[in-house]
Amino acid sequence: MNWDQAQGNWKQFSGKIRERWGEFTDDDLEKVKGRREQLEGAIQERYGISREEAHRQLDEVLDRCRGC
């Protein structure tokens, strides 16, 4: 899955985000609304990791979500 597909299926993909990063609430994900940079920043802030690490982890979720 690429980011454009994730944005198009945001409700479904946000479930995958919550599976990976369980601290996110529906309100958190509603604020992001499919904007990757904001999501990476939120992951970075919430989990205390670098922006690059947040980007890498998000890529992993996208890769695993092929056919979602």
N, C-alpha and C. Protein backbone atom coordinates (compact mmCIF):
# COMPACT_ATOMS: atom_id res chain seq x y z
N MET A 1 0.86 -1.17 0.00
CA MET A 1 0.00 0.00 0.00
C MET A 1 0.90 1.23 0.00
N ASN A 2 0.54 2.21 -0.80
CA ASN A 2 1.29 3.46 -0.76
C ASN A 2 0.48 4.49 0.03
N TRP A 3 1.08 5.65 0.26
CA TRP A 3 0.43 6.63 1.11
C TRP A 3 -0.86 7.16 0.50
N ASP A 4 -0.92 7.30 -0.80
CA ASP A 4 -2.15 7.76 -1.45
C ASP A 4 -3.30 6.80 -1.17
N GLN A 5 -3.01 5.51 -1.19
CA GLN A 5 -4.03 4.51 -0.89
C GLN A 5 -4.44 4.59 0.57
N ALA A 6 -3.47 4.81 1.44
CA ALA A 6 -3.76 4.93 2.87
C ALA A 6 -4.67 6.12 3.13
N GLN A 7 -4.40 7.23 2.46
CA GLN A 7 -5.26 8.41 2.61
C GLN A 7 -6.67 8.13 2.12
N GLY A 8 -6.76 7.44 0.99
CA GLY A 8 -8.07 7.14 0.42
C GLY A 8 -8.89 6.19 1.28
N ASN A 9 -8.22 5.35 2.03
CA ASN A 9 -8.88 4.40 2.93
C ASN A 9 -8.53 4.74 4.38
N TRP A 10 -8.59 6.02 4.72
CA TRP A 10 -8.10 6.47 6.01
C TRP A 10 -8.76 5.76 7.19
N LYS A 11 -10.05 5.57 7.15
CA LYS A 11 -10.74 4.90 8.27
C LYS A 11 -10.17 3.51 8.48
N GLN A 12 -9.99 2.76 7.41
CA GLN A 12 -9.44 1.41 7.51
C GLN A 12 -7.98 1.46 7.94
N PHE A 13 -7.19 2.33 7.34
CA PHE A 13 -5.78 2.41 7.66
C PHE A 13 -5.55 2.90 9.08
N SER A 14 -6.42 3.78 9.57
CA SER A 14 -6.25 4.27 10.94
C SER A 14 -6.37 3.11 11.94
N GLY A 15 -7.13 2.09 11.60
CA GLY A 15 -7.18 0.89 12.44
C GLY A 15 -5.83 0.21 12.51
N LYS A 16 -5.13 0.15 11.39
CA LYS A 16 -3.78 -0.43 11.37
C LYS A 16 -2.82 0.42 12.20
N ILE A 17 -3.00 1.71 12.17
CA ILE A 17 -2.16 2.60 12.96
C ILE A 17 -2.38 2.33 14.45
N ARG A 18 -3.63 2.18 14.83
CA ARG A 18 -3.93 1.91 16.25
C ARG A 18 -3.44 0.54 16.68
N GLU A 19 -3.39 -0.42 15.77
CA GLU A 19 -2.82 -1.73 16.10
C GLU A 19 -1.33 -1.60 16.41
N ARG A 20 -0.64 -0.79 15.62
CA ARG A 20 0.82 -0.63 15.77
C ARG A 20 1.17 0.33 16.90
N TRP A 21 0.45 1.44 16.98
CA TRP A 21 0.69 2.46 17.99
C TRP A 21 -0.58 2.64 18.80
N GLY A 22 -0.75 1.79 19.79
CA GLY A 22 -1.99 1.70 20.55
C GLY A 22 -2.35 2.91 21.39
N GLU A 23 -1.42 3.82 21.59
CA GLU A 23 -1.73 5.00 22.39
C GLU A 23 -2.54 6.05 21.64
N PHE A 24 -2.68 5.90 20.33
CA PHE A 24 -3.44 6.89 19.56
C PHE A 24 -4.93 6.68 19.75
N THR A 25 -5.63 7.77 19.93
CA THR A 25 -7.09 7.72 20.06
C THR A 25 -7.72 8.06 18.71
N ASP A 26 -9.01 7.85 18.61
CA ASP A 26 -9.72 8.25 17.40
C ASP A 26 -9.59 9.75 17.18
N ASP A 27 -9.62 10.52 18.26
CA ASP A 27 -9.46 11.98 18.13
C ASP A 27 -8.09 12.34 17.58
N ASP A 28 -7.05 11.65 18.05
CA ASP A 28 -5.70 11.90 17.53
C ASP A 28 -5.67 11.67 16.02
N LEU A 29 -6.24 10.57 15.59
CA LEU A 29 -6.20 10.21 14.17
C LEU A 29 -7.10 11.11 13.34
N GLU A 30 -8.16 11.61 13.94
CA GLU A 30 -9.03 12.56 13.24
C GLU A 30 -8.29 13.87 12.97
N LYS A 31 -7.46 14.28 13.91
CA LYS A 31 -6.68 15.51 13.74
C LYS A 31 -5.66 15.37 12.60
N VAL A 32 -5.09 14.18 12.46
CA VAL A 32 -4.10 13.92 11.42
C VAL A 32 -4.76 13.89 10.04
N LYS A 33 -5.91 13.25 9.95
CA LYS A 33 -6.71 13.17 8.72
C LYS A 33 -5.89 12.78 7.49
N GLY A 34 -5.01 11.82 7.64
CA GLY A 34 -4.30 11.29 6.48
C GLY A 34 -3.06 12.06 6.06
N ARG A 35 -2.65 13.04 6.84
CA ARG A 35 -1.44 13.81 6.49
C ARG A 35 -0.23 13.12 7.11
N ARG A 36 0.59 12.58 6.26
CA ARG A 36 1.72 11.76 6.70
C ARG A 36 2.68 12.51 7.61
N GLU A 37 3.06 13.71 7.24
CA GLU A 37 4.02 14.45 8.05
C GLU A 37 3.48 14.70 9.46
N GLN A 38 2.20 14.99 9.56
CA GLN A 38 1.61 15.19 10.89
C GLN A 38 1.58 13.88 11.67
N LEU A 39 1.30 12.79 11.00
CA LEU A 39 1.29 11.49 11.67
C LEU A 39 2.68 11.13 12.16
N GLU A 40 3.68 11.33 11.31
CA GLU A 40 5.06 11.05 11.72
C GLU A 40 5.46 11.90 12.92
N GLY A 41 5.06 13.17 12.91
CA GLY A 41 5.35 14.04 14.04
C GLY A 41 4.66 13.58 15.31
N ALA A 42 3.43 13.12 15.18
CA ALA A 42 2.69 12.63 16.34
C ALA A 42 3.32 11.35 16.90
N ILE A 43 3.75 10.47 16.01
CA ILE A 43 4.42 9.24 16.44
C ILE A 43 5.72 9.60 17.16
N GLN A 44 6.47 10.50 16.57
CA GLN A 44 7.74 10.94 17.14
C GLN A 44 7.52 11.50 18.55
N GLU A 45 6.56 12.35 18.68
CA GLU A 45 6.29 13.00 19.96
C GLU A 45 5.76 12.01 21.00
N ARG A 46 4.80 11.20 20.61
CA ARG A 46 4.16 10.28 21.55
C ARG A 46 5.09 9.18 22.03
N TYR A 47 5.96 8.70 21.13
CA TYR A 47 6.81 7.56 21.46
C TYR A 47 8.28 7.92 21.68
N GLY A 48 8.62 9.20 21.58
CA GLY A 48 9.98 9.64 21.87
C GLY A 48 11.04 9.07 20.94
N ILE A 49 10.70 9.00 19.65
CA ILE A 49 11.65 8.49 18.66
C ILE A 49 11.95 9.60 17.66
N SER A 50 12.96 9.38 16.83
CA SER A 50 13.32 10.38 15.83
C SER A 50 12.29 10.40 14.70
N ARG A 51 12.29 11.48 13.96
CA ARG A 51 11.39 11.60 12.80
C ARG A 51 11.72 10.51 11.79
N GLU A 52 13.00 10.22 11.62
CA GLU A 52 13.42 9.19 10.67
C GLU A 52 12.91 7.82 11.09
N GLU A 53 12.96 7.54 12.39
CA GLU A 53 12.48 6.26 12.89
C GLU A 53 10.96 6.16 12.74
N ALA A 54 10.26 7.24 12.98
CA ALA A 54 8.81 7.25 12.79
C ALA A 54 8.47 6.99 11.32
N HIS A 55 9.23 7.60 10.42
CA HIS A 55 9.04 7.40 8.97
C HIS A 55 9.26 5.93 8.61
N ARG A 56 10.34 5.35 9.15
CA ARG A 56 10.66 3.95 8.86
C ARG A 56 9.57 3.01 9.38
N GLN A 57 9.11 3.25 10.59
CA GLN A 57 8.07 2.40 11.16
C GLN A 57 6.76 2.52 10.38
N LEU A 58 6.44 3.72 9.95
CA LEU A 58 5.23 3.91 9.16
C LEU A 58 5.34 3.21 7.81
N ASP A 59 6.52 3.24 7.20
CA ASP A 59 6.75 2.50 5.96
C ASP A 59 6.54 1.00 6.17
N GLU A 60 6.98 0.48 7.32
CA GLU A 60 6.78 -0.94 7.62
C GLU A 60 5.30 -1.29 7.68
N VAL A 61 4.51 -0.43 8.30
CA VAL A 61 3.07 -0.68 8.39
C VAL A 61 2.45 -0.65 7.00
N LEU A 62 2.86 0.29 6.19
CA LEU A 62 2.35 0.38 4.81
C LEU A 62 2.72 -0.87 4.02
N ASP A 63 3.96 -1.33 4.16
CA ASP A 63 4.41 -2.53 3.44
C ASP A 63 3.61 -3.76 3.85
N ARG A 64 3.33 -3.89 5.14
CA ARG A 64 2.57 -5.04 5.63
C ARG A 64 1.10 -4.97 5.25
N CYS A 65 0.66 -3.80 4.85
CA CYS A 65 -0.74 -3.61 4.57
C CYS A 65 -1.08 -3.79 3.09
N ARG A 66 -0.22 -4.38 2.36
CA ARG A 66 -0.54 -4.66 0.95
C ARG A 66 -1.74 -5.60 0.91
N GLY A 67 -2.72 -5.21 0.15
CA GLY A 67 -3.93 -6.02 0.05
C GLY A 67 -4.94 -5.77 1.16
N CYS A 68 -4.67 -4.76 2.00
CA CYS A 68 -5.62 -4.43 3.07
C CYS A 68 -6.90 -3.86 2.49
